Protein backbone atom coordinates (compact mmCIF):
# COMPACT_ATOMS: atom_id res chain seq x y z
CA MET A 1 -2.72 -19.92 11.71
CA ARG A 2 -3.91 -16.48 12.81
CA SER A 3 -0.47 -15.79 14.29
CA HIS A 4 1.07 -16.24 10.82
CA TRP A 5 -1.22 -13.51 9.51
CA THR A 6 -0.22 -11.25 12.40
CA VAL A 7 3.50 -11.78 11.83
CA ALA A 8 3.07 -11.10 8.11
CA LEU A 9 0.97 -8.01 8.89
CA VAL A 10 3.54 -6.55 11.28
CA GLY A 11 6.38 -7.29 8.86
CA TRP A 12 4.51 -5.71 5.93
CA PHE A 13 3.55 -2.67 8.01
CA LEU A 14 7.17 -2.11 9.04
CA PHE A 15 8.37 -2.60 5.45
CA MET A 16 5.81 -0.19 3.96
CA THR A 17 6.46 2.40 6.66
CA TRP A 18 10.20 2.17 6.00
CA LEU A 19 9.58 2.66 2.27
CA SER A 20 7.19 5.53 2.89
CA HIS A 21 9.62 7.40 5.10
CA GLN A 22 12.73 7.38 2.97
CA SER A 23 13.91 10.80 1.82
CA GLY A 24 12.33 12.35 -1.26
CA PRO A 25 15.51 12.28 -3.37
CA LYS A 26 16.12 8.61 -2.51
CA THR A 27 12.63 7.47 -3.49
CA ALA A 28 12.72 9.57 -6.67
CA GLU A 29 16.08 8.06 -7.67
CA GLU A 30 14.89 4.50 -7.06
CA SER A 31 11.59 4.87 -8.90
CA ARG A 32 13.27 6.59 -11.87
CA ALA A 33 15.80 3.76 -12.09
CA LEU A 34 12.96 1.22 -12.13
CA ALA A 35 11.11 3.27 -14.76
CA ARG A 36 14.21 3.23 -16.99
CA GLU A 37 14.40 -0.56 -16.58
CA LEU A 38 10.74 -0.96 -17.54
CA GLN A 39 10.84 1.50 -20.45
CA PRO A 40 11.92 -1.11 -23.07
CA LEU A 41 8.82 -3.15 -22.14
CA LEU A 42 6.63 -0.11 -22.82
CA PRO A 43 7.93 1.28 -26.12
CA GLY A 44 7.00 4.86 -26.84
CA ARG A 45 6.35 5.65 -23.19
CA ASP A 46 8.32 8.41 -21.57
CA PRO A 47 10.32 7.16 -18.57
CA GLU A 48 8.96 10.05 -16.48
CA ALA A 49 5.38 8.97 -17.28
CA ILE A 50 6.29 5.42 -16.26
CA ASN A 51 7.87 6.80 -13.07
CA CYS A 52 4.69 8.71 -12.21
CA LEU A 53 2.55 5.63 -12.84
CA LEU A 54 4.85 3.46 -10.69
CA ARG A 55 4.75 5.90 -7.80
CA LYS A 56 0.95 6.11 -7.84
CA ALA A 57 0.43 2.37 -8.35
CA ALA A 58 2.72 1.69 -5.39
CA HIS A 59 0.24 3.38 -3.03
CA VAL A 60 -2.59 1.14 -4.21
CA LEU A 61 -0.52 -2.05 -4.16
CA VAL A 62 1.06 -1.50 -0.74
CA PHE A 63 -2.27 -0.70 0.92
CA ALA A 64 -4.07 -3.56 -0.84
CA VAL A 65 -1.57 -6.03 0.63
CA LEU A 66 -1.91 -4.33 4.02
CA ALA A 67 -5.72 -4.72 3.89
CA ILE A 68 -5.49 -8.40 2.96
CA LEU A 69 -3.04 -9.14 5.77
CA ALA A 70 -4.96 -7.07 8.33
CA SER A 71 -8.22 -8.79 7.49
CA GLY A 72 -6.56 -12.19 7.77
CA ALA A 73 -5.05 -11.32 11.14
CA ALA A 74 -8.33 -9.93 12.51
CA VAL A 75 -10.63 -12.84 11.70
CA ALA A 76 -11.81 -14.35 14.95
CA PRO A 77 -11.69 -18.15 15.31
CA GLY A 78 -14.88 -19.70 13.99
CA THR A 79 -15.77 -16.74 11.79
CA SER A 80 -14.90 -15.88 8.21
CA ALA A 81 -15.15 -12.08 8.17
CA PRO A 82 -12.97 -9.52 9.88
CA PRO A 83 -14.67 -6.91 12.06
CA ALA A 84 -15.51 -3.65 10.26
CA TRP A 85 -13.27 -1.62 12.56
CA VAL A 86 -10.23 -3.20 10.90
CA TYR A 87 -11.00 -1.40 7.66
CA GLY A 88 -11.78 1.78 9.61
CA LEU A 89 -8.31 1.73 11.16
CA LEU A 90 -6.77 1.16 7.74
CA VAL A 91 -8.59 4.18 6.33
CA VAL A 92 -7.26 6.29 9.20
CA TRP A 93 -3.75 5.03 8.43
CA CYS A 94 -4.24 6.03 4.76
CA TRP A 95 -4.18 9.60 6.05
CA GLY A 96 -1.66 8.96 8.84
CA ASP A 97 0.92 7.53 6.46
CA GLU A 98 0.76 10.69 4.36
CA ALA A 99 0.66 13.02 7.38
CA THR A 100 3.87 11.56 8.83
CA LYS A 101 5.70 12.25 5.56
CA LEU A 102 5.77 15.91 6.57
CA LEU A 103 8.49 14.88 9.03
CA VAL A 104 10.70 13.42 6.26
CA PRO A 105 13.06 15.65 4.24
CA GLY A 106 11.93 16.00 0.64
CA ARG A 107 8.52 14.39 1.21
CA HIS A 108 5.10 16.01 1.27
CA PHE A 109 1.47 15.37 2.17
CA SER A 110 -0.85 14.62 -0.75
CA TRP A 111 -4.62 14.17 -0.64
CA LEU A 112 -4.37 12.33 -3.96
CA ASP A 113 -2.03 9.82 -2.33
CA VAL A 114 -4.42 9.47 0.63
CA GLY A 115 -7.12 8.59 -1.92
CA LEU A 116 -4.83 6.10 -3.66
CA ASN A 117 -4.05 4.51 -0.29
CA GLY A 118 -7.80 4.25 0.34
CA ALA A 119 -8.32 2.71 -3.10
CA GLY A 120 -5.74 0.09 -2.11
CA VAL A 121 -7.68 -0.71 1.07
CA VAL A 122 -10.88 -1.13 -0.96
CA LEU A 123 -9.08 -3.29 -3.53
CA GLY A 124 -7.56 -5.43 -0.76
CA ALA A 125 -10.95 -5.85 0.93
CA LEU A 126 -12.56 -6.87 -2.37
CA LEU A 127 -9.75 -9.31 -3.16
CA ARG A 128 -10.03 -10.77 0.32
CA MET A 129 -13.75 -11.31 -0.14
CA ALA A 130 -13.25 -12.80 -3.59
CA LEU A 131 -10.56 -15.21 -2.38
CA TRP A 132 -12.11 -16.30 0.89
CA TYR A 133 -15.74 -16.34 -0.19
CA LYS A 134 -14.95 -17.64 -3.67
CA ILE A 135 -16.94 -14.89 -5.37
């Protein structure tokens, strides 16, 4: 079963890295289109405000899923908790993901986004504990 977690982890990591490294204009166009689609569900909300919320929430969501998958892949047989270094590596990648955006046209490094990525890791770790330990 651990191999399923690893395959899912690698697939998710590749998917999120692909998303993260698209050009700035492309990601802006896609998130604005989604914001316009969601605007009727949120009457009175400016599509640009929805766009901003979507872009920030995406950091948390993507890294929460990454943390859940990484913790599942790292659990040793016969144990129920992943080693602490797994979360340490994820926190390093919170910064690394942002740092590599400097290489992508139209993208930039943001400490706020690093923090949102880290919040996603914490959320994923808490969800993992709640689900597996039935808290």
